[in-house]
Amino acid sequence: MDKRLKIRITHGPNTAIGPGKADLLEAIIQQGSISKAAQTMNMSYRRAWELVNVMNEAFKSPLVSTAHGGSHGGGAQLTDLGKTVLQHYRNLEKKVRQTAQNELSSIYKLLK
């Protein structure tokens, strides 16, 4: 059974960033496009675009910038803010896991 702590940062009714969105941002870095990132995550392009749109609207400026297709095709990349938010989020995950390890271990032992 997969056991892990998930951190979600909400903004209004939406999750501004959480584990899946952070994974999507990393996939965009690696793949250079939302479409290719979605494929590597077994996610539809539409779903990936919806997640990117929620993140872009939640923060003061977009986390992902896109280029429309043309002779060389389109693409996507993280903005400087996107890279910063992703790094802060991953640091937060690491710190919370380290701080909460004893309590998490105790809870995990009580799970079926």
PDB file of N, CA and C in Angstrom:
ATOM      1  N   MET A   1       0.842  -1.177   0.000  1.00  0.00           N
ATOM      2  CA  MET A   1       0.000   0.000   0.000  1.00  0.00           C
ATOM      3  C   MET A   1       0.889   1.243   0.000  1.00  0.00           C
ATOM      4  N   ASP A   2       0.553   2.180  -0.863  1.00  0.00           N
ATOM      5  CA  ASP A   2       1.296   3.427  -0.944  1.00  0.00           C
ATOM      6  C   ASP A   2       0.901   4.328   0.214  1.00  0.00           C
ATOM      7  N   LYS A   3       1.871   4.714   0.986  1.00  0.00           N
ATOM      8  CA  LYS A   3       1.615   5.609   2.113  1.00  0.00           C
ATOM      9  C   LYS A   3       2.512   6.830   1.942  1.00  0.00           C
ATOM     10  N   ARG A   4       1.878   7.992   1.834  1.00  0.00           N
ATOM     11  CA  ARG A   4       2.681   9.198   1.772  1.00  0.00           C
ATOM     12  C   ARG A   4       1.849  10.391   2.185  1.00  0.00           C
ATOM     13  N   LEU A   5       2.518  11.352   2.692  1.00  0.00           N
ATOM     14  CA  LEU A   5       1.908  12.608   3.092  1.00  0.00           C
ATOM     15  C   LEU A   5       1.807  13.496   1.856  1.00  0.00           C
ATOM     16  N   LYS A   6       0.645  14.095   1.631  1.00  0.00           N
ATOM     17  CA  LYS A   6       0.449  14.973   0.482  1.00  0.00           C
ATOM     18  C   LYS A   6       0.149  16.381   0.965  1.00  0.00           C
ATOM     19  N   ILE A   7       0.883  17.323   0.442  1.00  0.00           N
ATOM     20  CA  ILE A   7       0.705  18.724   0.807  1.00  0.00           C
ATOM     21  C   ILE A   7       0.060  19.449  -0.362  1.00  0.00           C
ATOM     22  N   ARG A   8      -1.035  20.128  -0.084  1.00  0.00           N
ATOM     23  CA  ARG A   8      -1.717  20.930  -1.099  1.00  0.00           C
ATOM     24  C   ARG A   8      -1.834  22.356  -0.585  1.00  0.00           C
ATOM     25  N   ILE A   9      -1.493  23.288  -1.439  1.00  0.00           N
ATOM     26  CA  ILE A   9      -1.633  24.706  -1.114  1.00  0.00           C
ATOM     27  C   ILE A   9      -2.884  25.189  -1.841  1.00  0.00           C
ATOM     28  N   THR A  10      -3.903  25.559  -1.084  1.00  0.00           N
ATOM     29  CA  THR A  10      -5.141  25.996  -1.707  1.00  0.00           C
ATOM     30  C   THR A  10      -5.161  27.511  -1.856  1.00  0.00           C
ATOM     31  N   HIS A  11      -5.937  27.927  -2.843  1.00  0.00           N
ATOM     32  CA  HIS A  11      -6.148  29.350  -3.101  1.00  0.00           C
ATOM     33  C   HIS A  11      -7.592  29.494  -3.543  1.00  0.00           C
ATOM     34  N   GLY A  12      -8.426  29.990  -2.651  1.00  0.00           N
ATOM     35  CA  GLY A  12      -9.852  29.997  -2.945  1.00  0.00           C
ATOM     36  C   GLY A  12     -10.338  28.561  -3.035  1.00  0.00           C
ATOM     37  N   PRO A  13     -11.166  28.258  -4.022  1.00  0.00           N
ATOM     38  CA  PRO A  13     -11.703  26.901  -4.139  1.00  0.00           C
ATOM     39  C   PRO A  13     -10.744  25.910  -4.810  1.00  0.00           C
ATOM     40  N   ASN A  14      -9.624  26.400  -5.304  1.00  0.00           N
ATOM     41  CA  ASN A  14      -8.710  25.562  -6.083  1.00  0.00           C
ATOM     42  C   ASN A  14      -7.427  25.238  -5.324  1.00  0.00           C
ATOM     43  N   THR A  15      -6.786  24.174  -5.764  1.00  0.00           N
ATOM     44  CA  THR A  15      -5.451  23.860  -5.277  1.00  0.00           C
ATOM     45  C   THR A  15      -4.461  24.581  -6.178  1.00  0.00           C
ATOM     46  N   ALA A  16      -3.741  25.543  -5.614  1.00  0.00           N
ATOM     47  CA  ALA A  16      -2.757  26.298  -6.393  1.00  0.00           C
ATOM     48  C   ALA A  16      -1.613  25.392  -6.810  1.00  0.00           C
ATOM     49  N   ILE A  17      -1.162  24.563  -5.880  1.00  0.00           N
ATOM     50  CA  ILE A  17      -0.124  23.571  -6.192  1.00  0.00           C
ATOM     51  C   ILE A  17      -0.217  22.434  -5.187  1.00  0.00           C
ATOM     52  N   GLY A  18       0.029  21.257  -5.684  1.00  0.00           N
ATOM     53  CA  GLY A  18       0.022  20.046  -4.882  1.00  0.00           C
ATOM     54  C   GLY A  18       0.963  19.050  -5.542  1.00  0.00           C
ATOM     55  N   PRO A  19       0.972  17.813  -5.080  1.00  0.00           N
ATOM     56  CA  PRO A  19       1.947  16.853  -5.599  1.00  0.00           C
ATOM     57  C   PRO A  19       1.797  16.570  -7.098  1.00  0.00           C
ATOM     58  N   GLY A  20       0.582  16.429  -7.580  1.00  0.00           N
ATOM     59  CA  GLY A  20       0.387  16.151  -8.999  1.00  0.00           C
ATOM     60  C   GLY A  20       0.777  17.325  -9.874  1.00  0.00           C
ATOM     61  N   LYS A  21       0.438  18.525  -9.439  1.00  0.00           N
ATOM     62  CA  LYS A  21       0.791  19.717 -10.203  1.00  0.00           C
ATOM     63  C   LYS A  21       2.300  19.927 -10.203  1.00  0.00           C
ATOM     64  N   ALA A  22       2.951  19.649  -9.086  1.00  0.00           N
ATOM     65  CA  ALA A  22       4.411  19.756  -9.040  1.00  0.00           C
ATOM     66  C   ALA A  22       5.048  18.738  -9.988  1.00  0.00           C
ATOM     67  N   ASP A  23       4.503  17.527 -10.002  1.00  0.00           N
ATOM     68  CA  ASP A  23       5.006  16.509 -10.939  1.00  0.00           C
ATOM     69  C   ASP A  23       4.811  16.970 -12.386  1.00  0.00           C
ATOM     70  N   LEU A  24       3.669  17.603 -12.672  1.00  0.00           N
ATOM     71  CA  LEU A  24       3.410  18.106 -14.014  1.00  0.00           C
ATOM     72  C   LEU A  24       4.416  19.192 -14.388  1.00  0.00           C
ATOM     73  N   LEU A  25       4.711  20.093 -13.462  1.00  0.00           N
ATOM     74  CA  LEU A  25       5.707  21.132 -13.747  1.00  0.00           C
ATOM     75  C   LEU A  25       7.061  20.503 -14.069  1.00  0.00           C
ATOM     76  N   GLU A  26       7.451  19.488 -13.310  1.00  0.00           N
ATOM     77  CA  GLU A  26       8.722  18.816 -13.581  1.00  0.00           C
ATOM     78  C   GLU A  26       8.704  18.130 -14.944  1.00  0.00           C
ATOM     79  N   ALA A  27       7.574  17.539 -15.306  1.00  0.00           N
ATOM     80  CA  ALA A  27       7.460  16.883 -16.609  1.00  0.00           C
ATOM     81  C   ALA A  27       7.544  17.912 -17.739  1.00  0.00           C
ATOM     82  N   ILE A  28       6.989  19.095 -17.527  1.00  0.00           N
ATOM     83  CA  ILE A  28       7.083  20.161 -18.537  1.00  0.00           C
ATOM     84  C   ILE A  28       8.538  20.582 -18.709  1.00  0.00           C
ATOM     85  N   ILE A  29       9.264  20.682 -17.612  1.00  0.00           N
ATOM     86  CA  ILE A  29      10.694  21.005 -17.701  1.00  0.00           C
ATOM     87  C   ILE A  29      11.404  19.947 -18.551  1.00  0.00           C
ATOM     88  N   GLN A  30      11.143  18.675 -18.249  1.00  0.00           N
ATOM     89  CA  GLN A  30      11.835  17.577 -18.935  1.00  0.00           C
ATOM     90  C   GLN A  30      11.420  17.434 -20.390  1.00  0.00           C
ATOM     91  N   GLN A  31      10.138  17.639 -20.691  1.00  0.00           N
ATOM     92  CA  GLN A  31       9.617  17.362 -22.023  1.00  0.00           C
ATOM     93  C   GLN A  31       9.541  18.589 -22.929  1.00  0.00           C
ATOM     94  N   GLY A  32       9.486  19.770 -22.357  1.00  0.00           N
ATOM     95  CA  GLY A  32       9.427  20.985 -23.156  1.00  0.00           C
ATOM     96  C   GLY A  32       8.067  21.285 -23.757  1.00  0.00           C
ATOM     97  N   SER A  33       7.044  20.532 -23.355  1.00  0.00           N
ATOM     98  CA  SER A  33       5.691  20.822 -23.832  1.00  0.00           C
ATOM     99  C   SER A  33       4.677  20.231 -22.866  1.00  0.00           C
ATOM    100  N   ILE A  34       3.498  20.835 -22.851  1.00  0.00           N
ATOM    101  CA  ILE A  34       2.421  20.329 -22.002  1.00  0.00           C
ATOM    102  C   ILE A  34       1.934  18.987 -22.549  1.00  0.00           C
ATOM    103  N   SER A  35       1.820  18.885 -23.854  1.00  0.00           N
ATOM    104  CA  SER A  35       1.343  17.653 -24.486  1.00  0.00           C
ATOM    105  C   SER A  35       2.251  16.473 -24.162  1.00  0.00           C
ATOM    106  N   LYS A  36       3.538  16.647 -24.340  1.00  0.00           N
ATOM    107  CA  LYS A  36       4.481  15.554 -24.054  1.00  0.00           C
ATOM    108  C   LYS A  36       4.530  15.247 -22.558  1.00  0.00           C
ATOM    109  N   ALA A  37       4.433  16.281 -21.732  1.00  0.00           N
ATOM    110  CA  ALA A  37       4.414  16.066 -20.283  1.00  0.00           C
ATOM    111  C   ALA A  37       3.193  15.242 -19.899  1.00  0.00           C
ATOM    112  N   ALA A  38       2.042  15.572 -20.490  1.00  0.00           N
ATOM    113  CA  ALA A  38       0.810  14.831 -20.209  1.00  0.00           C
ATOM    114  C   ALA A  38       0.966  13.368 -20.611  1.00  0.00           C
ATOM    115  N   GLN A  39       1.550  13.119 -21.770  1.00  0.00           N
ATOM    116  CA  GLN A  39       1.746  11.741 -22.230  1.00  0.00           C
ATOM    117  C   GLN A  39       2.589  10.944 -21.251  1.00  0.00           C
ATOM    118  N   THR A  40       3.674  11.534 -20.756  1.00  0.00           N
ATOM    119  CA  THR A  40       4.546  10.807 -19.834  1.00  0.00           C
ATOM    120  C   THR A  40       3.854  10.516 -18.508  1.00  0.00           C
ATOM    121  N   MET A  41       2.817  11.298 -18.204  1.00  0.00           N
ATOM    122  CA  MET A  41       2.088  11.108 -16.947  1.00  0.00           C
ATOM    123  C   MET A  41       0.784  10.335 -17.153  1.00  0.00           C
ATOM    124  N   ASN A  42       0.583   9.811 -18.362  1.00  0.00           N
ATOM    125  CA  ASN A  42      -0.663   9.106 -18.684  1.00  0.00           C
ATOM    126  C   ASN A  42      -1.889   9.959 -18.377  1.00  0.00           C
ATOM    127  N   MET A  43      -1.823  11.207 -18.824  1.00  0.00           N
ATOM    128  CA  MET A  43      -2.870  12.183 -18.573  1.00  0.00           C
ATOM    129  C   MET A  43      -3.278  12.776 -19.914  1.00  0.00           C
ATOM    130  N   SER A  44      -4.528  13.145 -20.043  1.00  0.00           N
ATOM    131  CA  SER A  44      -4.953  13.776 -21.290  1.00  0.00           C
ATOM    132  C   SER A  44      -4.363  15.187 -21.369  1.00  0.00           C
ATOM    133  N   TYR A  45      -4.178  15.641 -22.595  1.00  0.00           N
ATOM    134  CA  TYR A  45      -3.682  17.007 -22.792  1.00  0.00           C
ATOM    135  C   TYR A  45      -4.639  18.002 -22.158  1.00  0.00           C
ATOM    136  N   ARG A  46      -5.937  17.761 -22.325  1.00  0.00           N
ATOM    137  CA  ARG A  46      -6.931  18.676 -21.766  1.00  0.00           C
ATOM    138  C   ARG A  46      -6.786  18.792 -20.255  1.00  0.00           C
ATOM    139  N   ARG A  47      -6.627  17.668 -19.574  1.00  0.00           N
ATOM    140  CA  ARG A  47      -6.472  17.682 -18.108  1.00  0.00           C
ATOM    141  C   ARG A  47      -5.191  18.421 -17.715  1.00  0.00           C
ATOM    142  N   ALA A  48      -4.113  18.165 -18.426  1.00  0.00           N
ATOM    143  CA  ALA A  48      -2.850  18.851 -18.122  1.00  0.00           C
ATOM    144  C   ALA A  48      -3.008  20.354 -18.324  1.00  0.00           C
ATOM    145  N   TRP A  49      -3.658  20.740 -19.410  1.00  0.00           N
ATOM    146  CA  TRP A  49      -3.850  22.161 -19.679  1.00  0.00           C
ATOM    147  C   TRP A  49      -4.716  22.797 -18.596  1.00  0.00           C
ATOM    148  N   GLU A  50      -5.749  22.089 -18.136  1.00  0.00           N
ATOM    149  CA  GLU A  50      -6.594  22.610 -17.053  1.00  0.00           C
ATOM    150  C   GLU A  50      -5.775  22.837 -15.785  1.00  0.00           C
ATOM    151  N   LEU A  51      -4.901  21.892 -15.445  1.00  0.00           N
ATOM    152  CA  LEU A  51      -4.056  22.032 -14.256  1.00  0.00           C
ATOM    153  C   LEU A  51      -3.104  23.220 -14.399  1.00  0.00           C
ATOM    154  N   VAL A  52      -2.499  23.367 -15.576  1.00  0.00           N
ATOM    155  CA  VAL A  52      -1.602  24.498 -15.825  1.00  0.00           C
ATOM    156  C   VAL A  52      -2.378  25.808 -15.711  1.00  0.00           C
ATOM    157  N   ASN A  53      -3.578  25.840 -16.261  1.00  0.00           N
ATOM    158  CA  ASN A  53      -4.386  27.047 -16.216  1.00  0.00           C
ATOM    159  C   ASN A  53      -4.727  27.443 -14.776  1.00  0.00           C
ATOM    160  N   VAL A  54      -5.084  26.468 -13.949  1.00  0.00           N
ATOM    161  CA  VAL A  54      -5.383  26.749 -12.539  1.00  0.00           C
ATOM    162  C   VAL A  54      -4.150  27.335 -11.855  1.00  0.00           C
ATOM    163  N   MET A  55      -2.986  26.728 -12.101  1.00  0.00           N
ATOM    164  CA  MET A  55      -1.754  27.254 -11.484  1.00  0.00           C
ATOM    165  C   MET A  55      -1.451  28.659 -11.997  1.00  0.00           C
ATOM    166  N   ASN A  56      -1.548  28.857 -13.296  1.00  0.00           N
ATOM    167  CA  ASN A  56      -1.241  30.167 -13.871  1.00  0.00           C
ATOM    168  C   ASN A  56      -2.150  31.265 -13.319  1.00  0.00           C
ATOM    169  N   GLU A  57      -3.405  30.923 -13.048  1.00  0.00           N
ATOM    170  CA  GLU A  57      -4.340  31.924 -12.536  1.00  0.00           C
ATOM    171  C   GLU A  57      -4.229  32.128 -11.031  1.00  0.00           C
ATOM    172  N   ALA A  58      -3.684  31.159 -10.318  1.00  0.00           N
ATOM    173  CA  ALA A  58      -3.592  31.251  -8.862  1.00  0.00           C
ATOM    174  C   ALA A  58      -2.453  32.167  -8.398  1.00  0.00           C
ATOM    175  N   PHE A  59      -1.394  32.240  -9.181  1.00  0.00           N
ATOM    176  CA  PHE A  59      -0.219  32.995  -8.766  1.00  0.00           C
ATOM    177  C   PHE A  59      -0.194  34.379  -9.412  1.00  0.00           C
ATOM    178  N   LYS A  60       0.659  35.239  -8.901  1.00  0.00           N
ATOM    179  CA  LYS A  60       0.717  36.627  -9.358  1.00  0.00           C
ATOM    180  C   LYS A  60       1.041  36.752 -10.838  1.00  0.00           C
ATOM    181  N   SER A  61       1.765  35.798 -11.358  1.00  0.00           N
ATOM    182  CA  SER A  61       2.024  35.727 -12.793  1.00  0.00           C
ATOM    183  C   SER A  61       2.121  34.244 -13.157  1.00  0.00           C
ATOM    184  N   PRO A  62       2.035  33.909 -14.446  1.00  0.00           N
ATOM    185  CA  PRO A  62       2.011  32.497 -14.851  1.00  0.00           C
ATOM    186  C   PRO A  62       3.254  31.718 -14.416  1.00  0.00           C
ATOM    187  N   LEU A  63       3.024  30.431 -14.138  1.00  0.00           N
ATOM    188  CA  LEU A  63       4.124  29.518 -13.816  1.00  0.00           C
ATOM    189  C   LEU A  63       4.651  28.846 -15.076  1.00  0.00           C
ATOM    190  N   VAL A  64       3.790  28.748 -16.092  1.00  0.00           N
ATOM    191  CA  VAL A  64       4.148  28.091 -17.351  1.00  0.00           C
ATOM    192  C   VAL A  64       3.856  29.050 -18.488  1.00  0.00           C
ATOM    193  N   SER A  65       4.824  29.201 -19.376  1.00  0.00           N
ATOM    194  CA  SER A  65       4.597  29.993 -20.592  1.00  0.00           C
ATOM    195  C   SER A  65       4.575  29.033 -21.772  1.00  0.00           C
ATOM    196  N   THR A  66       3.758  29.370 -22.755  1.00  0.00           N
ATOM    197  CA  THR A  66       3.616  28.504 -23.920  1.00  0.00           C
ATOM    198  C   THR A  66       3.918  29.284 -25.185  1.00  0.00           C
ATOM    199  N   ALA A  67       4.363  28.546 -26.185  1.00  0.00           N
ATOM    200  CA  ALA A  67       4.578  29.103 -27.522  1.00  0.00           C
ATOM    201  C   ALA A  67       3.674  28.336 -28.472  1.00  0.00           C
ATOM    202  N   HIS A  68       2.957  29.053 -29.301  1.00  0.00           N
ATOM    203  CA  HIS A  68       2.050  28.407 -30.252  1.00  0.00           C
ATOM    204  C   HIS A  68       2.855  27.706 -31.328  1.00  0.00           C
ATOM    205  N   GLY A  69       2.250  26.693 -31.902  1.00  0.00           N
ATOM    206  CA  GLY A  69       2.890  25.919 -32.961  1.00  0.00           C
ATOM    207  C   GLY A  69       3.204  26.781 -34.167  1.00  0.00           C
ATOM    208  N   GLY A  70       4.078  26.318 -34.939  1.00  0.00           N
ATOM    209  CA  GLY A  70       4.504  26.993 -36.161  1.00  0.00           C
ATOM    210  C   GLY A  70       5.357  26.008 -36.930  1.00  0.00           C
ATOM    211  N   SER A  71       6.265  26.510 -37.693  1.00  0.00           N
ATOM    212  CA  SER A  71       7.114  25.605 -38.469  1.00  0.00           C
ATOM    213  C   SER A  71       7.969  24.721 -37.569  1.00  0.00           C
ATOM    214  N   HIS A  72       8.269  25.207 -36.365  1.00  0.00           N
ATOM    215  CA  HIS A  72       9.080  24.421 -35.427  1.00  0.00           C
ATOM    216  C   HIS A  72       8.245  23.841 -34.295  1.00  0.00           C
ATOM    217  N   GLY A  73       6.931  23.983 -34.385  1.00  0.00           N
ATOM    218  CA  GLY A  73       6.059  23.454 -33.346  1.00  0.00           C
ATOM    219  C   GLY A  73       6.010  24.372 -32.140  1.00  0.00           C
ATOM    220  N   GLY A  74       5.115  24.070 -31.242  1.00  0.00           N
ATOM    221  CA  GLY A  74       4.957  24.870 -30.031  1.00  0.00           C
ATOM    222  C   GLY A  74       5.843  24.346 -28.931  1.00  0.00           C
ATOM    223  N   GLY A  75       5.506  24.712 -27.740  1.00  0.00           N
ATOM    224  CA  GLY A  75       6.265  24.249 -26.596  1.00  0.00           C
ATOM    225  C   GLY A  75       5.826  24.958 -25.342  1.00  0.00           C
ATOM    226  N   ALA A  76       6.381  24.558 -24.244  1.00  0.00           N
ATOM    227  CA  ALA A  76       6.072  25.174 -22.958  1.00  0.00           C
ATOM    228  C   ALA A  76       7.314  25.114 -22.091  1.00  0.00           C
ATOM    229  N   GLN A  77       7.408  26.074 -21.222  1.00  0.00           N
ATOM    230  CA  GLN A  77       8.507  26.077 -20.261  1.00  0.00           C
ATOM    231  C   GLN A  77       8.053  26.774 -19.001  1.00  0.00           C
ATOM    232  N   LEU A  78       8.746  26.485 -17.910  1.00  0.00           N
ATOM    233  CA  LEU A  78       8.440  27.165 -16.665  1.00  0.00           C
ATOM    234  C   LEU A  78       9.024  28.566 -16.702  1.00  0.00           C
ATOM    235  N   THR A  79       8.266  29.501 -16.175  1.00  0.00           N
ATOM    236  CA  THR A  79       8.761  30.853 -16.008  1.00  0.00           C
ATOM    237  C   THR A  79       9.694  30.861 -14.794  1.00  0.00           C
ATOM    238  N   ASP A  80      10.349  31.973 -14.568  1.00  0.00           N
ATOM    239  CA  ASP A  80      11.182  32.076 -13.370  1.00  0.00           C
ATOM    240  C   ASP A  80      10.343  31.865 -12.114  1.00  0.00           C
ATOM    241  N   LEU A  81       9.120  32.429 -12.114  1.00  0.00           N
ATOM    242  CA  LEU A  81       8.240  32.224 -10.961  1.00  0.00           C
ATOM    243  C   LEU A  81       7.871  30.752 -10.835  1.00  0.00           C
ATOM    244  N   GLY A  82       7.620  30.081 -11.951  1.00  0.00           N
ATOM    245  CA  GLY A  82       7.297  28.660 -11.917  1.00  0.00           C
ATOM    246  C   GLY A  82       8.410  27.838 -11.306  1.00  0.00           C
ATOM    247  N   LYS A  83       9.634  28.139 -11.695  1.00  0.00           N
ATOM    248  CA  LYS A  83      10.784  27.429 -11.128  1.00  0.00           C
ATOM    249  C   LYS A  83      10.905  27.695  -9.635  1.00  0.00           C
ATOM    250  N   THR A  84      10.663  28.934  -9.236  1.00  0.00           N
ATOM    251  CA  THR A  84      10.745  29.309  -7.822  1.00  0.00           C
ATOM    252  C   THR A  84       9.676  28.597  -7.010  1.00  0.00           C
ATOM    253  N   VAL A  85       8.436  28.618  -7.487  1.00  0.00           N
ATOM    254  CA  VAL A  85       7.334  27.969  -6.772  1.00  0.00           C
ATOM    255  C   VAL A  85       7.597  26.468  -6.656  1.00  0.00           C
ATOM    256  N   LEU A  86       8.032  25.839  -7.734  1.00  0.00           N
ATOM    257  CA  LEU A  86       8.322  24.405  -7.703  1.00  0.00           C
ATOM    258  C   LEU A  86       9.409  24.097  -6.682  1.00  0.00           C
ATOM    259  N   GLN A  87      10.464  24.878  -6.660  1.00  0.00           N
ATOM    260  CA  GLN A  87      11.555  24.642  -5.706  1.00  0.00           C
ATOM    261  C   GLN A  87      11.076  24.823  -4.266  1.00  0.00           C
ATOM    262  N   HIS A  88      10.308  25.881  -4.010  1.00  0.00           N
ATOM    263  CA  HIS A  88       9.772  26.093  -2.656  1.00  0.00           C
ATOM    264  C   HIS A  88       8.859  24.937  -2.247  1.00  0.00           C
ATOM    265  N   TYR A  89       8.037  24.468  -3.168  1.00  0.00           N
ATOM    266  CA  TYR A  89       7.120  23.380  -2.862  1.00  0.00           C
ATOM    267  C   TYR A  89       7.889  22.098  -2.536  1.00  0.00           C
ATOM    268  N   ARG A  90       8.875  21.761  -3.341  1.00  0.00           N
ATOM    269  CA  ARG A  90       9.665  20.552  -3.076  1.00  0.00           C
ATOM    270  C   ARG A  90      10.433  20.679  -1.757  1.00  0.00           C
ATOM    271  N   ASN A  91      10.949  21.865  -1.463  1.00  0.00           N
ATOM    272  CA  ASN A  91      11.627  22.084  -0.177  1.00  0.00           C
ATOM    273  C   ASN A  91      10.652  21.906   0.980  1.00  0.00           C
ATOM    274  N   LEU A  92       9.433  22.427   0.831  1.00  0.00           N
ATOM    275  CA  LEU A  92       8.410  22.284   1.859  1.00  0.00           C
ATOM    276  C   LEU A  92       8.089  20.817   2.094  1.00  0.00           C
ATOM    277  N   GLU A  93       7.898  20.052   1.016  1.00  0.00           N
ATOM    278  CA  GLU A  93       7.631  18.621   1.158  1.00  0.00           C
ATOM    279  C   GLU A  93       8.734  17.931   1.957  1.00  0.00           C
ATOM    280  N   LYS A  94       9.970  18.221   1.608  1.00  0.00           N
ATOM    281  CA  LYS A  94      11.115  17.583   2.272  1.00  0.00           C
ATOM    282  C   LYS A  94      11.154  17.944   3.758  1.00  0.00           C
ATOM    283  N   LYS A  95      10.962  19.218   4.071  1.00  0.00           N
ATOM    284  CA  LYS A  95      11.012  19.652   5.470  1.00  0.00           C
ATOM    285  C   LYS A  95       9.878  19.063   6.295  1.00  0.00           C
ATOM    286  N   VAL A  96       8.686  19.014   5.727  1.00  0.00           N
ATOM    287  CA  VAL A  96       7.544  18.449   6.451  1.00  0.00           C
ATOM    288  C   VAL A  96       7.769  16.966   6.715  1.00  0.00           C
ATOM    289  N   ARG A  97       8.242  16.232   5.708  1.00  0.00           N
ATOM    290  CA  ARG A  97       8.520  14.800   5.903  1.00  0.00           C
ATOM    291  C   ARG A  97       9.541  14.591   7.015  1.00  0.00           C
ATOM    292  N   GLN A  98      10.608  15.387   7.013  1.00  0.00           N
ATOM    293  CA  GLN A  98      11.648  15.230   8.034  1.00  0.00           C
ATOM    294  C   GLN A  98      11.106  15.552   9.426  1.00  0.00           C
ATOM    295  N   THR A  99      10.355  16.632   9.522  1.00  0.00           N
ATOM    296  CA  THR A  99       9.829  17.065  10.809  1.00  0.00           C
ATOM    297  C   THR A  99       8.781  16.101  11.354  1.00  0.00           C
ATOM    298  N   ALA A 100       7.961  15.567  10.477  1.00  0.00           N
ATOM    299  CA  ALA A 100       6.835  14.737  10.897  1.00  0.00           C
ATOM    300  C   ALA A 100       7.122  13.239  10.860  1.00  0.00           C
ATOM    301  N   GLN A 101       8.357  12.844  10.613  1.00  0.00           N
ATOM    302  CA  GLN A 101       8.669  11.423  10.410  1.00  0.00           C
ATOM    303  C   GLN A 101       8.220  10.529  11.559  1.00  0.00           C
ATOM    304  N   ASN A 102       8.460  10.921  12.782  1.00  0.00           N
ATOM    305  CA  ASN A 102       8.078  10.079  13.919  1.00  0.00           C
ATOM    306  C   ASN A 102       6.571   9.896  13.988  1.00  0.00           C
ATOM    307  N   GLU A 103       5.828  10.992  13.850  1.00  0.00           N
ATOM    308  CA  GLU A 103       4.377  10.909  13.912  1.00  0.00           C
ATOM    309  C   GLU A 103       3.821  10.110  12.728  1.00  0.00           C
ATOM    310  N   LEU A 104       4.380  10.336  11.537  1.00  0.00           N
ATOM    311  CA  LEU A 104       3.937   9.586  10.362  1.00  0.00           C
ATOM    312  C   LEU A 104       4.183   8.097  10.536  1.00  0.00           C
ATOM    313  N   SER A 105       5.339   7.736  11.061  1.00  0.00           N
ATOM    314  CA  SER A 105       5.649   6.319  11.282  1.00  0.00           C
ATOM    315  C   SER A 105       4.652   5.695  12.240  1.00  0.00           C
ATOM    316  N   SER A 106       4.296   6.424  13.289  1.00  0.00           N
ATOM    317  CA  SER A 106       3.327   5.914  14.251  1.00  0.00           C
ATOM    318  C   SER A 106       1.957   5.723  13.614  1.00  0.00           C
ATOM    319  N   ILE A 107       1.547   6.669  12.798  1.00  0.00           N
ATOM    320  CA  ILE A 107       0.248   6.548  12.121  1.00  0.00           C
ATOM    321  C   ILE A 107       0.279   5.411  11.110  1.00  0.00           C
ATOM    322  N   TYR A 108       1.354   5.323  10.342  1.00  0.00           N
ATOM    323  CA  TYR A 108       1.460   4.254   9.330  1.00  0.00           C
ATOM    324  C   TYR A 108       1.345   2.875   9.959  1.00  0.00           C
ATOM    325  N   LYS A 109       1.916   2.707  11.155  1.00  0.00           N
ATOM    326  CA  LYS A 109       1.857   1.408  11.843  1.00  0.00           C
ATOM    327  C   LYS A 109       0.433   1.026  12.216  1.00  0.00           C
ATOM    328  N   LEU A 110      -0.447   2.018  12.323  1.00  0.00           N
ATOM    329  CA  LEU A 110      -1.823   1.766  12.729  1.00  0.00           C
ATOM    330  C   LEU A 110      -2.759   1.547  11.532  1.00  0.00           C
ATOM    331  N   LEU A 111      -2.244   1.713  10.337  1.00  0.00           N
ATOM    332  CA  LEU A 111      -3.060   1.509   9.151  1.00  0.00           C
ATOM    333  C   LEU A 111      -3.163   0.021   8.818  1.00  0.00           C
ATOM    334  N   LYS A 112      -4.231  -0.364   8.167  1.00  0.00           N
ATOM    335  CA  LYS A 112      -4.403  -1.766   7.735  1.00  0.00           C
ATOM    336  C   LYS A 112      -3.408  -2.108   6.679  1.00  0.00           C
TER     337      LYS A 112
END
